Amino acid sequence: MNFPTFSIILSGVLLNSAAQLLLKAGARTIGSVSMTSMSSIGAAAWSAATQPWIALGLVCYFVSAGLWVVALTRVDVTVAYPMLSLGYVIAAIFAWQIFGEQLTAARLVGIFIILAGVVVLARS
C-alpha cells in the first residue's frame, strides 16, 4: 500500500474515531435514555437530533464514508477493512483521556495485537 492510499484510509479512520467520541459526548449530554414508551423514545430522538455533538459526529461519519469509498477504489477490501481496527485503538485512548474510561491490561493487550496486525497488513 502506498503512502497516499494509507493517508486516505487513516484520515477516514481518524474521522470515524472522532465521530464515536463526538457521539459519546452528545450521549453524555443527553443522559440515560428511557425506552419505556413511544413518547420517551420520541423525546430521546428529538434530544439526539438537536444535540450539536451528535450532529457533528454524524457529519464526521459522512465524510469518513466518502473517504472510505475513495480508499476502496485504490486497495482491496481485505487490506482496507482491517485498517478500521485502528479506530478502536484511537477511540480507546481518547476515551481514556477525555471521558476517563478504563484501559485495563486486557484492553491494552488487545490494542497491541490490533496494532501488530495493522503493521503486518500495511506492509503486505
N, C-alpha and C. Protein backbone atom coordinates (compact mmCIF):
# COMPACT_ATOMS: atom_id res chain seq x y z
N MET A 1 0.85 -1.17 0.00
CA MET A 1 0.00 0.00 0.00
C MET A 1 0.90 1.23 0.00
N ASN A 2 0.58 2.17 -0.87
CA ASN A 2 1.41 3.38 -0.94
C ASN A 2 0.94 4.42 0.08
N PHE A 3 1.78 5.43 0.26
CA PHE A 3 1.50 6.43 1.30
C PHE A 3 0.20 7.22 1.07
N PRO A 4 -0.08 7.67 -0.17
CA PRO A 4 -1.35 8.40 -0.36
C PRO A 4 -2.58 7.55 0.00
N THR A 5 -2.56 6.29 -0.38
CA THR A 5 -3.70 5.41 -0.05
C THR A 5 -3.80 5.21 1.45
N PHE A 6 -2.67 4.96 2.10
CA PHE A 6 -2.68 4.80 3.55
C PHE A 6 -3.18 6.08 4.22
N SER A 7 -2.81 7.24 3.68
CA SER A 7 -3.26 8.52 4.24
C SER A 7 -4.76 8.68 4.14
N ILE A 8 -5.33 8.26 3.02
CA ILE A 8 -6.79 8.33 2.85
C ILE A 8 -7.47 7.42 3.87
N ILE A 9 -6.96 6.20 4.00
CA ILE A 9 -7.55 5.26 4.96
C ILE A 9 -7.42 5.80 6.37
N LEU A 10 -6.24 6.29 6.72
CA LEU A 10 -6.02 6.81 8.07
C LEU A 10 -6.90 8.02 8.35
N SER A 11 -7.08 8.89 7.36
CA SER A 11 -7.97 10.05 7.54
C SER A 11 -9.40 9.59 7.82
N GLY A 12 -9.85 8.59 7.07
CA GLY A 12 -11.19 8.05 7.31
C GLY A 12 -11.32 7.43 8.68
N VAL A 13 -10.29 6.70 9.09
CA VAL A 13 -10.31 6.07 10.42
C VAL A 13 -10.32 7.14 11.51
N LEU A 14 -9.52 8.19 11.35
CA LEU A 14 -9.50 9.27 12.34
C LEU A 14 -10.85 9.97 12.43
N LEU A 15 -11.47 10.22 11.29
CA LEU A 15 -12.80 10.84 11.31
C LEU A 15 -13.83 9.92 11.94
N ASN A 16 -13.72 8.63 11.67
CA ASN A 16 -14.64 7.67 12.26
C ASN A 16 -14.48 7.64 13.78
N SER A 17 -13.23 7.68 14.24
CA SER A 17 -12.97 7.72 15.68
C SER A 17 -13.49 9.01 16.30
N ALA A 18 -13.27 10.12 15.60
CA ALA A 18 -13.79 11.40 16.08
C ALA A 18 -15.31 11.34 16.18
N ALA A 19 -15.95 10.70 15.21
CA ALA A 19 -17.41 10.55 15.24
C ALA A 19 -17.84 9.81 16.49
N GLN A 20 -17.16 8.72 16.82
CA GLN A 20 -17.50 7.96 18.02
C GLN A 20 -17.40 8.82 19.27
N LEU A 21 -16.31 9.58 19.36
CA LEU A 21 -16.10 10.41 20.55
C LEU A 21 -17.11 11.55 20.62
N LEU A 22 -17.45 12.12 19.48
CA LEU A 22 -18.46 13.18 19.46
C LEU A 22 -19.84 12.63 19.83
N LEU A 23 -20.17 11.44 19.33
CA LEU A 23 -21.44 10.83 19.70
C LEU A 23 -21.48 10.53 21.20
N LYS A 24 -20.36 10.09 21.75
CA LYS A 24 -20.29 9.83 23.19
C LYS A 24 -20.50 11.13 23.98
N ALA A 25 -19.86 12.20 23.53
CA ALA A 25 -20.03 13.50 24.19
C ALA A 25 -21.50 13.93 24.14
N GLY A 26 -22.14 13.73 23.00
CA GLY A 26 -23.55 14.06 22.88
C GLY A 26 -24.42 13.18 23.76
N ALA A 27 -24.08 11.90 23.82
CA ALA A 27 -24.85 10.96 24.65
C ALA A 27 -24.73 11.33 26.13
N ARG A 28 -23.54 11.76 26.52
CA ARG A 28 -23.36 12.17 27.92
C ARG A 28 -24.18 13.41 28.23
N THR A 29 -24.32 14.29 27.26
CA THR A 29 -25.14 15.49 27.45
C THR A 29 -26.61 15.13 27.58
N ILE A 30 -27.06 14.19 26.77
CA ILE A 30 -28.46 13.76 26.81
C ILE A 30 -28.77 13.02 28.10
N GLY A 31 -27.85 12.17 28.53
CA GLY A 31 -28.08 11.36 29.72
C GLY A 31 -28.72 10.04 29.35
N SER A 32 -29.12 9.32 30.36
CA SER A 32 -29.71 8.00 30.16
C SER A 32 -31.04 8.12 29.44
N VAL A 33 -31.24 7.27 28.44
CA VAL A 33 -32.46 7.31 27.63
C VAL A 33 -33.39 6.20 28.08
N SER A 34 -34.62 6.57 28.39
CA SER A 34 -35.64 5.61 28.77
C SER A 34 -36.33 5.09 27.50
N MET A 35 -36.47 3.79 27.41
CA MET A 35 -37.11 3.19 26.25
C MET A 35 -38.44 2.54 26.65
N THR A 36 -39.13 3.16 27.60
CA THR A 36 -40.34 2.55 28.16
C THR A 36 -41.62 2.90 27.43
N SER A 37 -41.60 3.99 26.65
CA SER A 37 -42.82 4.37 25.92
C SER A 37 -42.44 5.09 24.64
N MET A 38 -43.39 5.18 23.75
CA MET A 38 -43.15 5.88 22.48
C MET A 38 -42.84 7.35 22.73
N SER A 39 -43.46 7.96 23.73
CA SER A 39 -43.20 9.37 23.98
C SER A 39 -41.77 9.57 24.50
N SER A 40 -41.27 8.65 25.34
CA SER A 40 -39.90 8.79 25.83
C SER A 40 -38.89 8.53 24.70
N ILE A 41 -39.23 7.60 23.81
CA ILE A 41 -38.37 7.35 22.66
C ILE A 41 -38.36 8.57 21.73
N GLY A 42 -39.52 9.16 21.51
CA GLY A 42 -39.61 10.36 20.68
C GLY A 42 -38.85 11.52 21.29
N ALA A 43 -38.95 11.68 22.60
CA ALA A 43 -38.22 12.76 23.27
C ALA A 43 -36.72 12.53 23.16
N ALA A 44 -36.29 11.29 23.29
CA ALA A 44 -34.86 10.97 23.18
C ALA A 44 -34.39 11.23 21.75
N ALA A 45 -35.19 10.86 20.77
CA ALA A 45 -34.82 11.09 19.37
C ALA A 45 -34.70 12.58 19.08
N TRP A 46 -35.64 13.37 19.58
CA TRP A 46 -35.57 14.82 19.38
C TRP A 46 -34.35 15.41 20.08
N SER A 47 -34.09 14.95 21.27
CA SER A 47 -32.92 15.43 22.01
C SER A 47 -31.64 15.10 21.26
N ALA A 48 -31.55 13.89 20.72
CA ALA A 48 -30.37 13.50 19.95
C ALA A 48 -30.25 14.31 18.66
N ALA A 49 -31.37 14.53 18.00
CA ALA A 49 -31.36 15.25 16.72
C ALA A 49 -30.95 16.71 16.89
N THR A 50 -31.19 17.26 18.06
CA THR A 50 -30.86 18.67 18.29
C THR A 50 -29.58 18.86 19.10
N GLN A 51 -28.86 17.79 19.36
CA GLN A 51 -27.62 17.84 20.12
C GLN A 51 -26.46 18.13 19.16
N PRO A 52 -25.76 19.27 19.32
CA PRO A 52 -24.69 19.64 18.39
C PRO A 52 -23.56 18.60 18.29
N TRP A 53 -23.18 17.99 19.41
CA TRP A 53 -22.11 16.99 19.36
C TRP A 53 -22.51 15.81 18.49
N ILE A 54 -23.76 15.41 18.58
CA ILE A 54 -24.24 14.29 17.78
C ILE A 54 -24.29 14.68 16.31
N ALA A 55 -24.77 15.87 16.02
CA ALA A 55 -24.81 16.33 14.62
C ALA A 55 -23.40 16.37 14.02
N LEU A 56 -22.44 16.89 14.77
CA LEU A 56 -21.07 16.94 14.28
C LEU A 56 -20.49 15.54 14.11
N GLY A 57 -20.83 14.63 15.02
CA GLY A 57 -20.39 13.25 14.89
C GLY A 57 -20.92 12.60 13.62
N LEU A 58 -22.17 12.86 13.30
CA LEU A 58 -22.76 12.31 12.09
C LEU A 58 -22.11 12.88 10.83
N VAL A 59 -21.73 14.15 10.87
CA VAL A 59 -21.00 14.76 9.75
C VAL A 59 -19.66 14.05 9.57
N CYS A 60 -18.97 13.80 10.67
CA CYS A 60 -17.70 13.07 10.60
C CYS A 60 -17.89 11.69 9.98
N TYR A 61 -18.95 11.00 10.36
CA TYR A 61 -19.25 9.69 9.76
C TYR A 61 -19.45 9.81 8.25
N PHE A 62 -20.18 10.82 7.84
CA PHE A 62 -20.48 11.01 6.43
C PHE A 62 -19.20 11.24 5.62
N VAL A 63 -18.34 12.12 6.11
CA VAL A 63 -17.08 12.40 5.41
C VAL A 63 -16.19 11.16 5.43
N SER A 64 -16.18 10.47 6.56
CA SER A 64 -15.40 9.24 6.68
C SER A 64 -15.86 8.21 5.64
N ALA A 65 -17.15 8.09 5.45
CA ALA A 65 -17.67 7.13 4.47
C ALA A 65 -17.23 7.51 3.05
N GLY A 66 -17.21 8.79 2.76
CA GLY A 66 -16.72 9.24 1.45
C GLY A 66 -15.27 8.87 1.23
N LEU A 67 -14.45 9.10 2.25
CA LEU A 67 -13.03 8.73 2.16
C LEU A 67 -12.88 7.21 2.01
N TRP A 68 -13.74 6.47 2.68
CA TRP A 68 -13.69 5.02 2.61
C TRP A 68 -13.95 4.55 1.17
N VAL A 69 -14.91 5.15 0.51
CA VAL A 69 -15.20 4.78 -0.88
C VAL A 69 -13.98 5.06 -1.76
N VAL A 70 -13.36 6.20 -1.56
CA VAL A 70 -12.14 6.52 -2.32
C VAL A 70 -11.06 5.48 -2.05
N ALA A 71 -10.88 5.12 -0.79
CA ALA A 71 -9.87 4.12 -0.44
C ALA A 71 -10.15 2.79 -1.12
N LEU A 72 -11.42 2.39 -1.18
CA LEU A 72 -11.77 1.11 -1.79
C LEU A 72 -11.54 1.09 -3.30
N THR A 73 -11.43 2.27 -3.91
CA THR A 73 -11.09 2.30 -5.34
C THR A 73 -9.60 2.06 -5.55
N ARG A 74 -8.82 2.11 -4.47
CA ARG A 74 -7.37 2.00 -4.58
C ARG A 74 -6.77 0.72 -4.02
N VAL A 75 -7.50 0.05 -3.12
CA VAL A 75 -6.93 -1.10 -2.43
C VAL A 75 -8.01 -2.14 -2.19
N ASP A 76 -7.61 -3.40 -2.10
CA ASP A 76 -8.55 -4.48 -1.83
C ASP A 76 -9.22 -4.30 -0.47
N VAL A 77 -10.48 -4.69 -0.40
CA VAL A 77 -11.20 -4.59 0.86
C VAL A 77 -10.56 -5.47 1.94
N THR A 78 -9.93 -6.56 1.52
CA THR A 78 -9.27 -7.45 2.50
C THR A 78 -8.06 -6.80 3.15
N VAL A 79 -7.56 -5.74 2.55
CA VAL A 79 -6.47 -4.96 3.15
C VAL A 79 -7.03 -3.75 3.88
N ALA A 80 -7.97 -3.07 3.26
CA ALA A 80 -8.51 -1.83 3.83
C ALA A 80 -9.35 -2.06 5.07
N TYR A 81 -10.23 -3.05 5.03
CA TYR A 81 -11.18 -3.24 6.13
C TYR A 81 -10.51 -3.47 7.48
N PRO A 82 -9.49 -4.29 7.56
CA PRO A 82 -8.83 -4.46 8.86
C PRO A 82 -8.20 -3.17 9.40
N MET A 83 -7.91 -2.23 8.52
CA MET A 83 -7.34 -0.96 8.98
C MET A 83 -8.33 -0.19 9.85
N LEU A 84 -9.62 -0.47 9.67
CA LEU A 84 -10.63 0.18 10.51
C LEU A 84 -10.42 -0.14 11.99
N SER A 85 -9.74 -1.24 12.27
CA SER A 85 -9.49 -1.58 13.67
C SER A 85 -8.61 -0.55 14.37
N LEU A 86 -7.88 0.24 13.60
CA LEU A 86 -7.13 1.35 14.21
C LEU A 86 -8.08 2.31 14.93
N GLY A 87 -9.30 2.38 14.44
CA GLY A 87 -10.28 3.25 15.08
C GLY A 87 -10.53 2.86 16.52
N TYR A 88 -10.52 1.56 16.80
CA TYR A 88 -10.69 1.12 18.18
C TYR A 88 -9.55 1.62 19.05
N VAL A 89 -8.35 1.52 18.54
CA VAL A 89 -7.16 1.96 19.29
C VAL A 89 -7.26 3.45 19.58
N ILE A 90 -7.55 4.23 18.57
CA ILE A 90 -7.63 5.68 18.71
C ILE A 90 -8.76 6.07 19.65
N ALA A 91 -9.94 5.48 19.44
CA ALA A 91 -11.09 5.81 20.29
C ALA A 91 -10.84 5.40 21.74
N ALA A 92 -10.22 4.25 21.96
CA ALA A 92 -9.96 3.80 23.33
C ALA A 92 -9.02 4.75 24.05
N ILE A 93 -7.98 5.17 23.38
CA ILE A 93 -7.01 6.08 24.01
C ILE A 93 -7.64 7.43 24.31
N PHE A 94 -8.39 7.98 23.36
CA PHE A 94 -9.02 9.28 23.60
C PHE A 94 -10.16 9.19 24.60
N ALA A 95 -10.90 8.09 24.61
CA ALA A 95 -11.97 7.91 25.60
C ALA A 95 -11.36 7.84 27.00
N TRP A 96 -10.21 7.23 27.11
CA TRP A 96 -9.49 7.19 28.40
C TRP A 96 -9.09 8.59 28.82
N GLN A 97 -8.56 9.37 27.89
CA GLN A 97 -8.12 10.73 28.20
C GLN A 97 -9.27 11.71 28.44
N ILE A 98 -10.27 11.65 27.59
CA ILE A 98 -11.36 12.64 27.63
C ILE A 98 -12.44 12.27 28.63
N PHE A 99 -12.87 11.01 28.61
CA PHE A 99 -14.01 10.58 29.42
C PHE A 99 -13.63 9.80 30.66
N GLY A 100 -12.34 9.51 30.82
CA GLY A 100 -11.91 8.76 31.99
C GLY A 100 -12.26 7.28 31.95
N GLU A 101 -12.50 6.75 30.73
CA GLU A 101 -12.80 5.33 30.61
C GLU A 101 -11.56 4.51 30.93
N GLN A 102 -11.75 3.30 31.41
CA GLN A 102 -10.65 2.46 31.87
C GLN A 102 -9.92 1.79 30.70
N LEU A 103 -8.60 1.76 30.80
CA LEU A 103 -7.77 0.97 29.89
C LEU A 103 -7.14 -0.14 30.73
N THR A 104 -7.83 -1.24 30.81
CA THR A 104 -7.37 -2.37 31.61
C THR A 104 -6.23 -3.09 30.90
N ALA A 105 -5.58 -4.00 31.60
CA ALA A 105 -4.50 -4.77 31.00
C ALA A 105 -4.99 -5.55 29.78
N ALA A 106 -6.17 -6.13 29.86
CA ALA A 106 -6.71 -6.89 28.73
C ALA A 106 -6.95 -5.98 27.53
N ARG A 107 -7.45 -4.78 27.76
CA ARG A 107 -7.67 -3.85 26.65
C ARG A 107 -6.35 -3.41 26.04
N LEU A 108 -5.34 -3.19 26.87
CA LEU A 108 -4.03 -2.80 26.35
C LEU A 108 -3.41 -3.92 25.52
N VAL A 109 -3.56 -5.17 25.96
CA VAL A 109 -3.07 -6.30 25.17
C VAL A 109 -3.80 -6.35 23.83
N GLY A 110 -5.11 -6.15 23.85
CA GLY A 110 -5.89 -6.13 22.62
C GLY A 110 -5.44 -5.03 21.68
N ILE A 111 -5.16 -3.85 22.23
CA ILE A 111 -4.67 -2.73 21.42
C ILE A 111 -3.34 -3.09 20.77
N PHE A 112 -2.45 -3.71 21.53
CA PHE A 112 -1.16 -4.12 20.98
C PHE A 112 -1.34 -5.12 19.84
N ILE A 113 -2.23 -6.08 20.01
CA ILE A 113 -2.48 -7.08 18.97
C ILE A 113 -3.04 -6.41 17.71
N ILE A 114 -3.96 -5.48 17.90
CA ILE A 114 -4.52 -4.75 16.75
C ILE A 114 -3.42 -4.00 16.01
N LEU A 115 -2.59 -3.28 16.75
CA LEU A 115 -1.51 -2.52 16.12
C LEU A 115 -0.55 -3.43 15.36
N ALA A 116 -0.22 -4.57 15.93
CA ALA A 116 0.67 -5.52 15.24
C ALA A 116 0.02 -6.01 13.95
N GLY A 117 -1.26 -6.30 13.99
CA GLY A 117 -1.97 -6.75 12.79
C GLY A 117 -2.02 -5.69 11.71
N VAL A 118 -2.23 -4.45 12.10
CA VAL A 118 -2.26 -3.36 11.13
C VAL A 118 -0.90 -3.18 10.47
N VAL A 119 0.16 -3.30 11.23
CA VAL A 119 1.51 -3.18 10.66
C VAL A 119 1.73 -4.30 9.63
N VAL A 120 1.35 -5.51 9.96
CA VAL A 120 1.51 -6.63 9.01
C VAL A 120 0.72 -6.36 7.73
N LEU A 121 -0.52 -5.91 7.88
CA LEU A 121 -1.36 -5.66 6.70
C LEU A 121 -0.83 -4.50 5.86
N ALA A 122 -0.39 -3.45 6.52
CA ALA A 122 0.09 -2.27 5.79
C ALA A 122 1.34 -2.61 4.97
N ARG A 123 2.10 -3.56 5.42
CA ARG A 123 3.33 -3.95 4.72
C ARG A 123 3.09 -4.96 3.61
N SER A 124 1.88 -5.51 3.54
CA SER A 124 1.61 -6.55 2.53
C SER A 124 1.28 -5.96 1.18
